[in-house]
Amino acid sequence: MESDNSDLPELERARALWIANRFDEAVKLFVETADRHPRNILALVDTARALGHRHEIQRAEHYLARLREMAVSRADLLLLIGQTYRMIFRESRALDCLQEYVAGAGKNHADAQFELAVLHERRHRVAEASAVVEHVLTLRADYYEAWILKARLLRQTGRKSDAATLLRRLTRQPRAHPFARAQAWAALAELADKEGEFALAVSHMLKCKELLLPHAEVPRRHSAAVLGQLQSLGESVTREDIHRWQSAKPASAGARLTQLTSFPRSGTTLLESVLDAHPGIVSSEEREVFGRDILGSSWKESHENSPPTVEAFERISTARLSMLRQKYLRAMEEALDEPIGDRVHIDKNPSHTLFIPAIARLFPETRFLIALRDPRDVVVSCFFQYLPLNPNSVCFLSWESTCRRFSMDMGVWLRLRDFLDSGS
C-alpha cells in the first residue's frame, strides 16, 4: 500500500486544539486519525510528536515504528523519524536515523546535516561534529546557525581567536536573523569575560539584548500573567495549608520524590551531577512534566482560564490527585527510559520554586533541595545567557528585570521554607 502525504481535516482540528492548550483532546484526535489512516505520513508524525511532547514515549514509538517500515521505500522519511526521536528524548535513535539518511539520500541536505552535527556536539563528539558542520557550510555558506555551532567547536578545541573572528563576522551579516546575531554577541561576551575583559563583555551582552527586545512583547505579557498568578499563590498559602496537605499523604505516596530547585544559574546542574552518581538516586534534568503537563491540569480543565488559588487546590478530588501522580511518575520513567524503582527520584528544575505550593498539594511527601549561590553571581550569570525567548527567559533581558525575577522567586521561597516539614 502506498504512503499518503495528504493533510487531513481531522489533523487541522487536532492542531487547533493543541494551540488552544486543549492537549488531552488534541492527543485523542491525533491518535484516532493516525489509527484510521495508518499510511498517512502527517498523521503518524503529528501523533508521535504530540504523544512524545506529553511524555507518552512508548506510544509515540509505536507510530514511529510504522514510519520506519515505510522508510524502506521512502528514504526521506528517515529525516522526519530522526527529528521526531530527538524531540521525544531518544537521541541515540535520532542519531542512527540521521546518520543513515545523510549517508544516502540526505548527503546534500543541509538541515539534516546540521541536526546531525548538533547531536554529535551534545554527545561530546567534537571531531565528528566539526567534520559535519564543515560539510554543511560547503552546502550553504550562509547557514548562520552553523557559523555559531562552528564557533563553539573552535572554542572547544582551543581556537578562541578563530571563534571570535567568525562570531564578529556574523554580527555584521545584515541577512542573518536577529536571533542569530544575538547569539553571536552573547558568545563574544562569554569570550571577553573569560579573558577578563569585563567592560567589553557587558557591552557585547547589551548588544545581544538589544536585538532580542523588539521581539519580547508577547512572551513578556505571558510572563507577567503567569508569574503574577504563581506569586499570588505563594504569598497567600499559609502554614496551615501546607501542613494540612503534607499530613494528608495519599495511599499511593510510596515514591521517594525530591525537588532540586532554586533559581536558574544557582548551581543546580553541578549538584545534580554529584547526587546522580549515587546508586540510590536517579535524576531528571529540567523536564517540563510538572509545569506543563501536571500543574495546569490539576485545578482546572485544560481549556479553562482560572488562576491557581489555595481554594482551587483544596477542591482537587482524591481520584484526580491519584491520576495526576501516576501520570507524573509514568512520564518521568518514560523520559528516563528506565524504571525509578525504589531509588530517590530528583526532579531538577531551577524554575520550580514558584511551584512549591502546588507540589506540596499534589506530592506532599516531596522533599525540597534548594541550591543557594551569591545573588550577585546568579543575576550576572542569568543576564549573560542567550536563551530563546519564552515567559522565563524574557525576564533576563535587562539588569532590572533579572533582579526583580530573582527577588520574586527567592522571596516566595523565603516565605515558604519555614512552612515545610523539617524533613523537607
Protein backbone atom coordinates (compact mmCIF):
# COMPACT_ATOMS: atom_id res chain seq x y z
CA MET A 1 0.00 0.00 0.00
CA GLU A 2 1.32 3.45 -0.95
CA SER A 3 2.10 6.07 1.67
CA ASP A 4 -0.18 9.09 1.86
CA ASN A 5 1.24 12.62 2.04
CA SER A 6 -2.07 14.49 2.23
CA ASP A 7 -3.15 16.71 5.10
CA LEU A 8 -6.47 15.87 6.70
CA PRO A 9 -9.28 17.98 8.23
CA GLU A 10 -9.01 15.95 11.43
CA LEU A 11 -5.34 16.88 11.75
CA GLU A 12 -6.17 20.55 11.29
CA ARG A 13 -8.75 20.31 14.09
CA ALA A 14 -6.28 18.50 16.35
CA ARG A 15 -3.64 21.18 15.76
CA ALA A 16 -6.18 23.89 16.59
CA LEU A 17 -6.98 22.13 19.87
CA TRP A 18 -3.27 21.89 20.61
CA ILE A 19 -2.74 25.61 20.00
CA ALA A 20 -5.67 26.30 22.35
CA ASN A 21 -3.86 24.26 25.07
CA ARG A 22 -6.54 21.57 24.99
CA PHE A 23 -3.84 18.94 24.91
CA ASP A 24 -5.76 15.85 26.01
CA GLU A 25 -8.44 16.42 23.37
CA ALA A 26 -5.79 17.11 20.73
CA VAL A 27 -3.86 13.94 21.51
CA LYS A 28 -7.05 11.86 21.42
CA LEU A 29 -7.92 13.21 17.96
CA PHE A 30 -4.37 12.77 16.66
CA VAL A 31 -4.37 9.11 17.78
CA GLU A 32 -7.80 8.40 16.31
CA THR A 33 -6.74 9.96 12.99
CA ALA A 34 -3.47 8.04 12.81
CA ASP A 35 -5.26 4.78 13.57
CA ARG A 36 -7.85 5.43 10.85
CA HIS A 37 -5.15 6.43 8.36
CA PRO A 38 -2.21 4.11 9.11
CA ARG A 39 -0.29 5.12 5.94
CA ASN A 40 -0.72 8.88 6.29
CA ILE A 41 2.71 10.36 6.97
CA LEU A 42 1.48 13.62 8.53
CA ALA A 43 -0.89 11.77 10.84
CA LEU A 44 1.86 9.45 12.06
CA VAL A 45 4.39 12.25 12.57
CA ASP A 46 1.94 14.61 14.29
CA THR A 47 0.69 11.85 16.57
CA ALA A 48 4.17 10.66 17.53
CA ARG A 49 5.29 14.21 18.31
CA ALA A 50 2.16 15.04 20.29
CA LEU A 51 2.49 11.89 22.37
CA GLY A 52 6.19 12.47 22.88
CA HIS A 53 5.54 16.05 23.92
CA ARG A 54 3.25 14.65 26.62
CA HIS A 55 5.93 12.10 27.63
CA GLU A 56 3.90 9.14 26.37
CA ILE A 57 7.02 7.97 24.63
CA GLN A 58 6.29 4.26 24.23
CA ARG A 59 3.04 5.11 22.47
CA ALA A 60 4.89 7.63 20.30
CA GLU A 61 7.41 4.97 19.29
CA HIS A 62 4.56 2.76 18.10
CA TYR A 63 3.73 5.32 15.39
CA LEU A 64 7.39 5.89 14.58
CA ALA A 65 7.75 2.14 14.02
CA ARG A 66 5.07 2.40 11.33
CA LEU A 67 7.03 5.19 9.67
CA ARG A 68 10.23 3.15 9.92
CA GLU A 69 8.59 0.36 7.92
CA MET A 70 7.55 2.86 5.25
CA ALA A 71 11.11 4.27 5.13
CA VAL A 72 12.29 1.11 3.39
CA SER A 73 10.89 2.59 0.19
CA ARG A 74 10.91 6.26 1.28
CA ALA A 75 14.41 7.15 2.49
CA ASP A 76 13.36 10.78 3.00
CA LEU A 77 11.22 9.63 5.94
CA LEU A 78 14.38 8.90 7.92
CA LEU A 79 14.78 12.65 8.45
CA LEU A 80 11.29 13.03 9.89
CA ILE A 81 11.80 9.97 12.06
CA GLY A 82 15.17 11.20 13.33
CA GLN A 83 13.84 14.66 14.11
CA THR A 84 10.93 13.14 16.00
CA TYR A 85 13.15 10.81 18.03
CA ARG A 86 15.21 13.85 19.03
CA MET A 87 12.06 15.65 20.17
CA ILE A 88 10.96 12.72 22.36
CA PHE A 89 14.25 12.28 24.27
CA ARG A 90 15.61 9.37 22.28
CA GLU A 91 18.78 10.96 20.92
CA SER A 92 20.67 7.75 20.21
CA ARG A 93 17.88 6.59 17.89
CA ALA A 94 17.71 10.04 16.34
CA LEU A 95 21.43 9.87 15.66
CA ASP A 96 21.11 6.48 13.99
CA CYS A 97 18.31 7.68 11.70
CA LEU A 98 20.08 10.90 10.73
CA GLN A 99 23.37 9.13 10.04
CA GLU A 100 21.59 6.65 7.80
CA TYR A 101 19.80 9.47 6.00
CA VAL A 102 22.84 11.69 5.36
CA ALA A 103 24.86 8.68 4.22
CA GLY A 104 22.38 8.24 1.37
CA ALA A 105 19.52 10.42 0.22
CA GLY A 106 20.39 13.28 2.58
CA LYS A 107 24.04 13.70 1.66
CA ASN A 108 23.40 17.22 0.40
CA HIS A 109 20.56 18.11 2.79
CA ALA A 110 22.00 20.99 4.84
CA ASP A 111 19.33 20.97 7.57
CA ALA A 112 19.72 17.24 8.17
CA GLN A 113 23.49 17.56 8.26
CA PHE A 114 23.22 20.42 10.75
CA GLU A 115 20.94 18.42 13.05
CA LEU A 116 23.44 15.58 12.94
CA ALA A 117 26.27 17.96 13.87
CA VAL A 118 24.28 19.27 16.85
CA LEU A 119 23.65 15.72 18.10
CA HIS A 120 27.36 14.90 17.78
CA GLU A 121 28.21 18.01 19.81
CA ARG A 122 25.67 17.13 22.50
CA ARG A 123 27.40 13.75 22.85
CA HIS A 124 30.81 15.49 23.06
CA ARG A 125 31.94 14.14 19.70
CA VAL A 126 33.80 17.29 18.72
CA ALA A 127 35.73 15.86 15.77
CA GLU A 128 32.61 14.32 14.21
CA ALA A 129 30.58 17.50 14.78
CA SER A 130 33.32 19.64 13.25
CA ALA A 131 33.53 17.49 10.12
CA VAL A 132 29.77 17.58 9.60
CA VAL A 133 29.44 21.33 10.18
CA GLU A 134 32.19 21.99 7.61
CA HIS A 135 30.16 19.96 5.11
CA VAL A 136 27.06 22.00 5.97
CA LEU A 137 28.93 25.20 5.14
CA THR A 138 30.08 23.82 1.79
CA LEU A 139 26.39 23.24 1.01
CA ARG A 140 25.22 26.62 2.30
CA ALA A 141 27.83 29.23 3.12
CA ASP A 142 25.16 31.47 4.68
CA TYR A 143 23.89 28.85 7.14
CA TYR A 144 24.36 31.18 10.09
CA GLU A 145 23.29 28.72 12.78
CA ALA A 146 26.15 26.53 11.53
CA TRP A 147 28.51 29.50 11.98
CA ILE A 148 27.52 29.63 15.65
CA LEU A 149 28.00 25.89 16.08
CA LYS A 150 31.38 26.06 14.33
CA ALA A 151 32.45 28.87 16.67
CA ARG A 152 31.51 26.76 19.71
CA LEU A 153 33.52 23.84 18.34
CA LEU A 154 36.51 26.08 17.63
CA ARG A 155 36.41 27.23 21.25
CA GLN A 156 36.29 23.65 22.48
CA THR A 157 39.46 22.86 20.52
CA GLY A 158 41.27 25.92 21.89
CA ARG A 159 40.95 28.12 18.81
CA LYS A 160 39.37 31.06 20.62
CA SER A 161 40.72 33.71 18.24
CA ASP A 162 39.27 31.93 15.20
CA ALA A 163 35.95 31.56 17.02
CA ALA A 164 35.87 35.29 17.84
CA THR A 165 36.66 36.22 14.23
CA LEU A 166 33.80 34.08 12.94
CA LEU A 167 31.37 35.46 15.51
CA ARG A 168 32.28 39.07 14.71
CA ARG A 169 31.66 38.34 11.03
CA LEU A 170 28.22 37.03 11.92
CA THR A 171 27.29 40.17 13.87
CA ARG A 172 27.88 42.16 10.66
CA GLN A 173 25.69 40.00 8.42
CA PRO A 174 22.56 42.04 7.58
CA ARG A 175 20.79 38.97 6.18
CA ALA A 176 21.24 36.95 9.36
CA HIS A 177 18.21 36.69 11.64
CA PRO A 178 18.41 38.97 14.70
CA PHE A 179 18.37 35.89 16.94
CA ALA A 180 21.47 34.50 15.19
CA ARG A 181 23.28 37.81 15.61
CA ALA A 182 22.15 37.96 19.24
CA GLN A 183 23.68 34.53 19.84
CA ALA A 184 26.92 35.72 18.27
CA TRP A 185 27.08 38.76 20.58
CA ALA A 186 26.38 36.54 23.60
CA ALA A 187 29.17 34.17 22.59
CA LEU A 188 31.55 37.11 22.14
CA ALA A 189 30.53 38.36 25.59
CA GLU A 190 31.43 34.99 27.08
CA LEU A 191 34.80 35.01 25.33
CA ALA A 192 35.55 38.51 26.61
CA ASP A 193 34.50 37.53 30.12
CA LYS A 194 36.87 34.52 30.08
CA GLU A 195 39.70 36.86 29.09
CA GLY A 196 38.93 39.24 31.96
CA GLU A 197 37.67 42.00 29.65
CA PHE A 198 34.59 42.62 31.75
CA ALA A 199 33.52 46.02 30.36
CA LEU A 200 33.73 44.64 26.81
CA ALA A 201 31.76 41.56 27.87
CA VAL A 202 28.95 43.74 29.24
CA SER A 203 28.95 45.84 26.08
CA HIS A 204 28.64 42.74 23.90
CA MET A 205 25.84 41.34 26.04
CA LEU A 206 23.88 44.58 25.88
CA LYS A 207 24.02 44.34 22.08
CA CYS A 208 22.62 40.82 22.33
CA LYS A 209 19.70 42.06 24.45
CA GLU A 210 19.04 44.99 22.09
CA LEU A 211 18.43 42.53 19.26
CA LEU A 212 16.01 40.48 21.38
CA LEU A 213 13.98 43.30 22.92
CA PRO A 214 11.86 44.11 19.81
CA HIS A 215 10.58 40.50 19.88
CA ALA A 216 9.81 40.36 23.60
CA GLU A 217 6.31 41.82 23.92
CA VAL A 218 4.25 38.62 23.59
CA PRO A 219 6.38 36.47 25.95
CA ARG A 220 6.57 39.42 28.36
CA ARG A 221 2.76 39.66 28.58
CA HIS A 222 2.50 35.90 29.07
CA SER A 223 5.21 36.03 31.71
CA ALA A 224 3.53 38.82 33.66
CA ALA A 225 0.23 36.93 33.77
CA VAL A 226 1.65 33.53 34.73
CA LEU A 227 4.23 34.76 37.20
CA GLY A 228 1.73 37.09 38.81
CA GLN A 229 -0.62 34.17 39.47
CA LEU A 230 2.14 31.97 40.87
CA GLN A 231 3.47 34.77 43.08
CA SER A 232 -0.02 35.39 44.41
CA LEU A 233 -0.39 31.69 45.25
CA GLY A 234 2.97 31.66 47.01
CA GLU A 235 2.08 34.72 49.04
CA SER A 236 -1.42 33.56 50.01
CA VAL A 237 -0.81 29.93 51.03
CA THR A 238 -0.49 29.57 54.79
CA ARG A 239 1.48 27.35 57.13
CA GLU A 240 -1.77 25.59 58.00
CA ASP A 241 -2.49 24.90 54.31
CA ILE A 242 0.93 23.34 53.74
CA HIS A 243 0.77 21.24 56.92
CA ARG A 244 -2.76 20.06 56.11
CA TRP A 245 -1.65 18.93 52.66
CA GLN A 246 1.50 17.27 53.95
CA SER A 247 -0.35 15.39 56.67
CA ALA A 248 -2.89 14.00 54.19
CA LYS A 249 -0.49 11.91 52.15
CA PRO A 250 -2.37 9.64 49.74
CA ALA A 251 -2.11 5.88 49.95
CA SER A 252 -0.04 5.93 46.74
CA ALA A 253 2.66 8.08 48.36
CA GLY A 254 5.29 5.35 48.13
CA ALA A 255 7.61 7.08 45.68
CA ARG A 256 10.69 8.80 47.09
CA LEU A 257 10.48 12.22 45.49
CA THR A 258 12.78 15.22 45.75
CA GLN A 259 12.65 18.58 44.02
CA LEU A 260 16.02 20.22 43.33
CA THR A 261 15.17 23.83 42.64
CA SER A 262 16.15 27.42 43.39
CA PHE A 263 16.77 29.90 40.56
CA PRO A 264 18.48 29.45 37.19
CA ARG A 265 22.29 29.59 37.35
CA SER A 266 22.39 28.76 41.05
CA GLY A 267 24.43 25.57 40.73
CA THR A 268 21.63 23.01 40.41
CA THR A 269 23.32 21.24 37.49
CA LEU A 270 26.55 20.61 39.40
CA LEU A 271 24.65 19.48 42.48
CA GLU A 272 22.50 17.16 40.37
CA SER A 273 25.60 15.58 38.78
CA VAL A 274 27.08 14.85 42.20
CA LEU A 275 23.86 13.39 43.59
CA ASP A 276 23.07 11.35 40.46
CA ALA A 277 26.32 9.44 40.90
CA HIS A 278 24.80 7.70 43.93
CA PRO A 279 23.30 4.31 43.01
CA GLY A 280 20.23 5.01 45.12
CA ILE A 281 19.36 8.19 43.21
CA VAL A 282 18.09 8.83 39.70
CA SER A 283 17.63 12.37 38.43
CA SER A 284 15.69 14.05 35.65
CA GLU A 285 17.18 17.22 34.26
CA GLU A 286 14.76 20.08 33.62
CA ARG A 287 11.88 18.09 32.21
CA GLU A 288 8.74 20.14 31.74
CA VAL A 289 6.45 17.42 33.03
CA PHE A 290 5.23 19.11 36.20
CA GLY A 291 4.89 22.68 34.96
CA ARG A 292 3.42 21.85 31.57
CA ASP A 293 1.54 18.57 31.96
CA ILE A 294 0.60 18.26 35.63
CA LEU A 295 0.22 21.71 37.17
CA GLY A 296 -2.08 23.19 34.53
CA SER A 297 -4.46 20.23 34.57
CA SER A 298 -4.58 19.86 38.35
CA TRP A 299 -7.05 22.53 39.44
CA LYS A 300 -8.80 23.18 36.10
CA GLU A 301 -9.67 21.67 32.77
CA SER A 302 -7.06 22.34 30.09
CA HIS A 303 -9.22 24.89 28.25
CA GLU A 304 -10.31 26.86 31.31
CA ASN A 305 -8.67 30.13 32.32
CA SER A 306 -8.97 30.17 36.09
CA PRO A 307 -5.99 31.16 38.26
CA PRO A 308 -4.29 28.78 40.72
CA THR A 309 -5.52 29.52 44.24
CA VAL A 310 -5.43 27.76 47.59
CA GLU A 311 -9.18 27.18 47.29
CA ALA A 312 -8.79 25.64 43.83
CA PHE A 313 -6.11 23.24 45.06
CA GLU A 314 -8.29 22.31 48.02
CA ARG A 315 -11.06 21.23 45.65
CA ILE A 316 -8.91 18.68 43.78
CA SER A 317 -10.52 15.28 44.28
CA THR A 318 -8.67 12.26 45.65
CA ALA A 319 -9.23 10.44 42.36
CA ARG A 320 -7.76 13.32 40.36
CA LEU A 321 -4.77 13.52 42.69
CA SER A 322 -4.09 9.84 42.17
CA MET A 323 -4.39 10.16 38.39
CA LEU A 324 -2.02 13.14 38.26
CA ARG A 325 0.54 11.43 40.49
CA GLN A 326 0.54 8.31 38.34
CA LYS A 327 0.79 10.41 35.20
CA TYR A 328 3.79 12.31 36.55
CA LEU A 329 5.70 9.20 37.62
CA ARG A 330 4.92 7.38 34.36
CA ALA A 331 6.07 10.37 32.32
CA MET A 332 9.33 10.64 34.26
CA GLU A 333 10.07 6.95 33.77
CA GLU A 334 9.33 7.22 30.07
CA ALA A 335 11.67 10.21 29.74
CA LEU A 336 14.38 8.36 31.68
CA ASP A 337 13.70 5.19 29.64
CA GLU A 338 14.06 3.16 32.83
CA PRO A 339 12.02 2.46 35.97
CA ILE A 340 12.61 4.56 39.07
CA GLY A 341 12.03 1.58 41.35
CA ASP A 342 12.94 2.18 44.98
CA ARG A 343 15.50 4.88 44.18
CA VAL A 344 15.10 8.51 45.19
CA HIS A 345 13.94 10.46 42.17
CA ILE A 346 15.28 14.00 41.90
CA ASP A 347 13.37 16.35 39.62
CA LYS A 348 15.98 19.01 38.92
CA ASN A 349 14.45 22.22 37.67
CA PRO A 350 15.57 25.64 38.98
CA SER A 351 12.31 27.20 37.76
CA HIS A 352 10.12 25.13 40.09
CA THR A 353 10.46 27.38 43.14
CA LEU A 354 7.18 29.16 42.41
CA PHE A 355 5.53 25.73 42.09
CA ILE A 356 6.29 24.69 45.69
CA PRO A 357 2.71 25.18 46.99
CA ALA A 358 1.32 23.08 44.11
CA ILE A 359 3.97 20.41 44.60
CA ALA A 360 3.15 20.25 48.31
CA ARG A 361 -0.51 19.69 47.40
CA LEU A 362 -0.02 17.09 44.68
CA PHE A 363 3.06 15.34 46.08
CA PRO A 364 3.04 16.04 49.83
CA GLU A 365 5.84 13.55 50.50
CA THR A 366 8.26 15.57 48.36
CA ARG A 367 11.45 16.86 49.93
CA PHE A 368 12.99 20.07 48.66
CA LEU A 369 16.64 20.80 47.96
CA ILE A 370 17.31 24.50 47.35
CA ALA A 371 20.63 25.42 45.77
CA LEU A 372 22.00 28.69 47.13
CA ARG A 373 24.54 30.93 45.43
CA ASP A 374 25.53 34.55 45.93
CA PRO A 375 22.61 36.54 44.41
CA ARG A 376 25.03 38.83 42.60
CA ASP A 377 26.59 35.86 40.81
CA VAL A 378 23.17 34.47 39.96
CA VAL A 379 21.90 37.73 38.48
CA VAL A 380 25.05 38.30 36.41
CA SER A 381 25.05 34.70 35.17
CA CYS A 382 21.36 34.86 34.14
CA PHE A 383 21.83 38.17 32.35
CA PHE A 384 24.83 36.76 30.47
CA GLN A 385 22.84 33.94 28.87
CA TYR A 386 21.43 33.83 25.38
CA LEU A 387 18.13 31.96 25.68
CA PRO A 388 15.26 31.57 23.21
CA LEU A 389 12.53 33.99 24.23
CA ASN A 390 9.88 32.48 26.48
CA PRO A 391 7.99 33.56 29.63
CA ASN A 392 11.03 32.71 31.79
CA SER A 393 13.93 33.98 29.69
CA VAL A 394 12.19 37.26 28.85
CA CYS A 395 12.84 38.23 32.48
CA PHE A 396 16.58 38.27 31.78
CA LEU A 397 16.62 40.98 29.08
CA SER A 398 17.68 43.74 31.48
CA TRP A 399 19.52 44.01 34.75
CA GLU A 400 16.40 45.39 36.43
CA SER A 401 14.02 42.67 35.29
CA THR A 402 16.56 39.96 36.16
CA CYS A 403 16.83 41.32 39.71
CA ARG A 404 13.05 41.59 40.03
CA ARG A 405 12.57 37.98 38.94
CA PHE A 406 15.23 36.74 41.36
CA SER A 407 13.61 38.70 44.17
CA MET A 408 10.19 37.23 43.31
CA ASP A 409 11.25 33.59 43.23
CA MET A 410 13.53 33.64 46.23
CA GLY A 411 11.12 35.85 48.15
CA VAL A 412 8.47 33.16 47.78
CA TRP A 413 10.98 30.53 48.91
CA LEU A 414 11.98 32.56 51.99
CA ARG A 415 8.32 32.82 52.95
CA LEU A 416 7.59 29.12 52.40
CA ARG A 417 10.69 27.46 53.80
CA ASP A 418 9.53 27.61 57.41
CA PHE A 419 6.14 26.18 56.43
CA LEU A 420 7.61 22.90 55.18
CA ASP A 421 8.30 19.96 57.46
CA SER A 422 11.80 19.87 58.84
CA GLY A 423 12.47 16.77 56.74
CA SER A 424 11.74 18.66 53.52
